[in-house]
């Protein structure tokens, strides 16, 4: 399964790293160039209650260079949902889905307008993370 995470902030990195650790092919998409370059060069460093590990994920700041995805996970701030939806539209395989785990109201509706109701999944996350700097959570 190919998963693309749009938004490589706290939560995007948390989900991307753990999915990668479980053996899933993951690509992170985010406009923060320094962060993306650090991940490309050294992987994504994760530190938490159970120790530290380096996750091997692909990363890009250009959604057009990300692979076609079975699942796109949307983890951007609400004001970026429209742009993320357009990126997801370009990335999703024919039978792919977009999953939003965002905070706030109205994100599902924005995604549905761009992708269609049948392709959008909504979920909740009770996780937290803190981005320490480029490539480090």
C-alpha atoms as a PDB file:
ATOM      1  CA  UNK A   1       0.000   0.000   0.000  1.00  0.00           C
ATOM      2  CA  UNK A   2       1.286   3.437  -0.918  1.00  0.00           C
ATOM      3  CA  UNK A   3       0.347   6.214   1.510  1.00  0.00           C
ATOM      4  CA  UNK A   4       0.996   9.910   1.028  1.00  0.00           C
ATOM      5  CA  UNK A   5       0.703  12.210   4.043  1.00  0.00           C
ATOM      6  CA  UNK A   6      -0.028  15.813   3.132  1.00  0.00           C
ATOM      7  CA  UNK A   7       1.289  17.948   5.967  1.00  0.00           C
ATOM      8  CA  UNK A   8       4.587  16.942   7.572  1.00  0.00           C
ATOM      9  CA  UNK A   9       4.128  18.813  10.817  1.00  0.00           C
ATOM     10  CA  UNK A  10       3.761  17.232  14.247  1.00  0.00           C
ATOM     11  CA  UNK A  11       0.983  14.826  13.411  1.00  0.00           C
ATOM     12  CA  UNK A  12       1.914  14.141   9.795  1.00  0.00           C
ATOM     13  CA  UNK A  13       5.392  13.080  10.882  1.00  0.00           C
ATOM     14  CA  UNK A  14       4.012  11.005  13.753  1.00  0.00           C
ATOM     15  CA  UNK A  15       1.676   9.061  11.481  1.00  0.00           C
ATOM     16  CA  UNK A  16       4.143   8.858   8.606  1.00  0.00           C
ATOM     17  CA  UNK A  17       6.968   7.552  10.789  1.00  0.00           C
ATOM     18  CA  UNK A  18       4.857   4.937  12.528  1.00  0.00           C
ATOM     19  CA  UNK A  19       3.293   3.714   9.288  1.00  0.00           C
ATOM     20  CA  UNK A  20       6.759   3.443   7.767  1.00  0.00           C
ATOM     21  CA  UNK A  21       7.991   1.560  10.825  1.00  0.00           C
ATOM     22  CA  UNK A  22       5.131  -0.904  10.254  1.00  0.00           C
ATOM     23  CA  UNK A  23       6.358  -1.547   6.708  1.00  0.00           C
ATOM     24  CA  UNK A  24       4.109   0.781   4.715  1.00  0.00           C
ATOM     25  CA  UNK A  25       5.548   2.873   1.870  1.00  0.00           C
ATOM     26  CA  UNK A  26       5.057   6.482   2.980  1.00  0.00           C
ATOM     27  CA  UNK A  27       5.741   9.813   1.320  1.00  0.00           C
ATOM     28  CA  UNK A  28       5.432  13.086   3.229  1.00  0.00           C
ATOM     29  CA  UNK A  29       4.450  16.254   1.353  1.00  0.00           C
ATOM     30  CA  UNK A  30       5.101  19.642   2.931  1.00  0.00           C
ATOM     31  CA  UNK A  31       6.224  23.094   1.722  1.00  0.00           C
ATOM     32  CA  UNK A  32       8.903  23.537   4.461  1.00  0.00           C
ATOM     33  CA  UNK A  33      12.041  23.044   2.355  1.00  0.00           C
ATOM     34  CA  UNK A  34      14.570  22.717   5.215  1.00  0.00           C
ATOM     35  CA  UNK A  35      12.420  20.062   6.902  1.00  0.00           C
ATOM     36  CA  UNK A  36      12.004  18.076   3.676  1.00  0.00           C
ATOM     37  CA  UNK A  37      15.734  18.258   2.893  1.00  0.00           C
ATOM     38  CA  UNK A  38      16.608  17.007   6.386  1.00  0.00           C
ATOM     39  CA  UNK A  39      14.210  14.064   6.031  1.00  0.00           C
ATOM     40  CA  UNK A  40      15.567  13.248   2.573  1.00  0.00           C
ATOM     41  CA  UNK A  41      19.166  13.304   3.816  1.00  0.00           C
ATOM     42  CA  UNK A  42      18.851  11.687   7.255  1.00  0.00           C
ATOM     43  CA  UNK A  43      15.375  10.215   7.637  1.00  0.00           C
ATOM     44  CA  UNK A  44      12.847  11.286  10.231  1.00  0.00           C
ATOM     45  CA  UNK A  45      14.033  11.113  13.843  1.00  0.00           C
ATOM     46  CA  UNK A  46      11.293  10.213  16.310  1.00  0.00           C
ATOM     47  CA  UNK A  47      11.730  10.344  20.096  1.00  0.00           C
ATOM     48  CA  UNK A  48       9.078   9.408  22.619  1.00  0.00           C
ATOM     49  CA  UNK A  49       8.051   7.309  25.578  1.00  0.00           C
ATOM     50  CA  UNK A  50       9.365   4.121  23.985  1.00  0.00           C
ATOM     51  CA  UNK A  51      12.739   5.462  22.888  1.00  0.00           C
ATOM     52  CA  UNK A  52      14.108   6.949  19.713  1.00  0.00           C
ATOM     53  CA  UNK A  53      14.064   5.621  16.173  1.00  0.00           C
ATOM     54  CA  UNK A  54      14.792   6.844  12.669  1.00  0.00           C
ATOM     55  CA  UNK A  55      12.011   6.354  10.155  1.00  0.00           C
ATOM     56  CA  UNK A  56      12.786   5.951   6.482  1.00  0.00           C
ATOM     57  CA  UNK A  57      10.168   7.884   4.562  1.00  0.00           C
ATOM     58  CA  UNK A  58      10.162   9.638   1.229  1.00  0.00           C
ATOM     59  CA  UNK A  59       9.625  13.395   1.393  1.00  0.00           C
ATOM     60  CA  UNK A  60       8.926  16.152  -1.102  1.00  0.00           C
ATOM     61  CA  UNK A  61       7.696  19.719  -1.151  1.00  0.00           C
ATOM     62  CA  UNK A  62       6.090  19.218  -4.568  1.00  0.00           C
ATOM     63  CA  UNK A  63       2.987  16.999  -4.591  1.00  0.00           C
ATOM     64  CA  UNK A  64       3.464  16.437  -8.333  1.00  0.00           C
ATOM     65  CA  UNK A  65       6.604  14.407  -7.553  1.00  0.00           C
ATOM     66  CA  UNK A  66       4.920  12.163  -4.973  1.00  0.00           C
ATOM     67  CA  UNK A  67       3.818   8.680  -6.063  1.00  0.00           C
ATOM     68  CA  UNK A  68       0.226   7.752  -6.838  1.00  0.00           C
ATOM     69  CA  UNK A  69      -1.432   6.806  -3.564  1.00  0.00           C
ATOM     70  CA  UNK A  70      -3.911   4.241  -2.352  1.00  0.00           C
ATOM     71  CA  UNK A  71      -4.508   6.493   0.644  1.00  0.00           C
ATOM     72  CA  UNK A  72      -3.799  10.175   1.191  1.00  0.00           C
ATOM     73  CA  UNK A  73      -3.857  11.285   4.815  1.00  0.00           C
ATOM     74  CA  UNK A  74      -4.623  14.978   5.248  1.00  0.00           C
ATOM     75  CA  UNK A  75      -2.928  16.544   8.273  1.00  0.00           C
ATOM     76  CA  UNK A  76      -2.686  20.249   7.472  1.00  0.00           C
ATOM     77  CA  UNK A  77      -4.103  23.286   9.246  1.00  0.00           C
ATOM     78  CA  UNK A  78      -7.730  23.918   8.326  1.00  0.00           C
ATOM     79  CA  UNK A  79      -6.902  26.984   6.202  1.00  0.00           C
ATOM     80  CA  UNK A  80      -4.788  24.739   3.914  1.00  0.00           C
ATOM     81  CA  UNK A  81      -7.465  22.081   3.369  1.00  0.00           C
ATOM     82  CA  UNK A  82      -8.504  23.323  -0.079  1.00  0.00           C
ATOM     83  CA  UNK A  83      -4.938  23.210  -1.375  1.00  0.00           C
ATOM     84  CA  UNK A  84      -4.413  19.788   0.233  1.00  0.00           C
ATOM     85  CA  UNK A  85      -7.604  18.529  -1.426  1.00  0.00           C
ATOM     86  CA  UNK A  86      -6.320  19.588  -4.850  1.00  0.00           C
ATOM     87  CA  UNK A  87      -3.038  17.792  -4.175  1.00  0.00           C
ATOM     88  CA  UNK A  88      -4.932  14.686  -3.058  1.00  0.00           C
ATOM     89  CA  UNK A  89      -6.993  14.790  -6.253  1.00  0.00           C
ATOM     90  CA  UNK A  90      -3.775  14.606  -8.281  1.00  0.00           C
ATOM     91  CA  UNK A  91      -2.261  11.838  -6.147  1.00  0.00           C
ATOM     92  CA  UNK A  92      -5.095   9.400  -5.522  1.00  0.00           C
ATOM     93  CA  UNK A  93      -5.265   6.210  -7.526  1.00  0.00           C
ATOM     94  CA  UNK A  94      -8.593   5.424  -9.200  1.00  0.00           C
ATOM     95  CA  UNK A  95      -9.873   3.493  -6.163  1.00  0.00           C
ATOM     96  CA  UNK A  96      -7.974   5.520  -3.567  1.00  0.00           C
ATOM     97  CA  UNK A  97      -9.295   7.336  -0.519  1.00  0.00           C
ATOM     98  CA  UNK A  98      -8.451  10.490   1.405  1.00  0.00           C
ATOM     99  CA  UNK A  99      -8.511  10.346   5.204  1.00  0.00           C
ATOM    100  CA  UNK A 100      -8.663  13.527   7.228  1.00  0.00           C
ATOM    101  CA  UNK A 101      -7.538  13.478  10.847  1.00  0.00           C
ATOM    102  CA  UNK A 102      -7.627  17.269  11.126  1.00  0.00           C
ATOM    103  CA  UNK A 103      -8.928  19.429  13.932  1.00  0.00           C
ATOM    104  CA  UNK A 104     -11.710  21.869  13.245  1.00  0.00           C
ATOM    105  CA  UNK A 105     -14.969  22.053  11.363  1.00  0.00           C
ATOM    106  CA  UNK A 106     -15.645  22.096   7.643  1.00  0.00           C
ATOM    107  CA  UNK A 107     -12.612  20.107   6.498  1.00  0.00           C
ATOM    108  CA  UNK A 108     -14.623  17.060   5.452  1.00  0.00           C
ATOM    109  CA  UNK A 109     -16.948  19.190   3.339  1.00  0.00           C
ATOM    110  CA  UNK A 110     -14.048  20.913   1.560  1.00  0.00           C
ATOM    111  CA  UNK A 111     -12.477  17.538   0.752  1.00  0.00           C
ATOM    112  CA  UNK A 112     -15.814  16.134  -0.433  1.00  0.00           C
ATOM    113  CA  UNK A 113     -16.341  19.082  -2.792  1.00  0.00           C
ATOM    114  CA  UNK A 114     -13.028  18.363  -4.516  1.00  0.00           C
ATOM    115  CA  UNK A 115     -12.801  14.565  -4.267  1.00  0.00           C
ATOM    116  CA  UNK A 116     -16.415  13.425  -4.014  1.00  0.00           C
ATOM    117  CA  UNK A 117     -18.195  12.169  -0.920  1.00  0.00           C
ATOM    118  CA  UNK A 118     -17.463   8.510  -1.700  1.00  0.00           C
ATOM    119  CA  UNK A 119     -13.668   9.039  -1.539  1.00  0.00           C
ATOM    120  CA  UNK A 120     -13.401  10.924   1.757  1.00  0.00           C
ATOM    121  CA  UNK A 121     -12.956   9.297   5.157  1.00  0.00           C
ATOM    122  CA  UNK A 122     -13.011  11.249   8.417  1.00  0.00           C
ATOM    123  CA  UNK A 123     -11.354  10.171  11.623  1.00  0.00           C
ATOM    124  CA  UNK A 124     -10.201  11.354  15.014  1.00  0.00           C
ATOM    125  CA  UNK A 125      -6.771  11.221  16.549  1.00  0.00           C
ATOM    126  CA  UNK A 126      -6.027  11.262  20.237  1.00  0.00           C
ATOM    127  CA  UNK A 127      -2.269  11.438  19.708  1.00  0.00           C
ATOM    128  CA  UNK A 128       0.006  14.375  20.233  1.00  0.00           C
ATOM    129  CA  UNK A 129       3.483  15.212  19.018  1.00  0.00           C
ATOM    130  CA  UNK A 130       5.936  18.084  19.099  1.00  0.00           C
ATOM    131  CA  UNK A 131       8.090  19.015  16.129  1.00  0.00           C
ATOM    132  CA  UNK A 132      11.555  19.713  17.585  1.00  0.00           C
ATOM    133  CA  UNK A 133      13.074  21.043  14.382  1.00  0.00           C
ATOM    134  CA  UNK A 134      13.675  19.996  10.792  1.00  0.00           C
ATOM    135  CA  UNK A 135      13.428  16.206  10.577  1.00  0.00           C
ATOM    136  CA  UNK A 136      12.893  15.676  14.313  1.00  0.00           C
ATOM    137  CA  UNK A 137       9.720  14.946  16.298  1.00  0.00           C
END
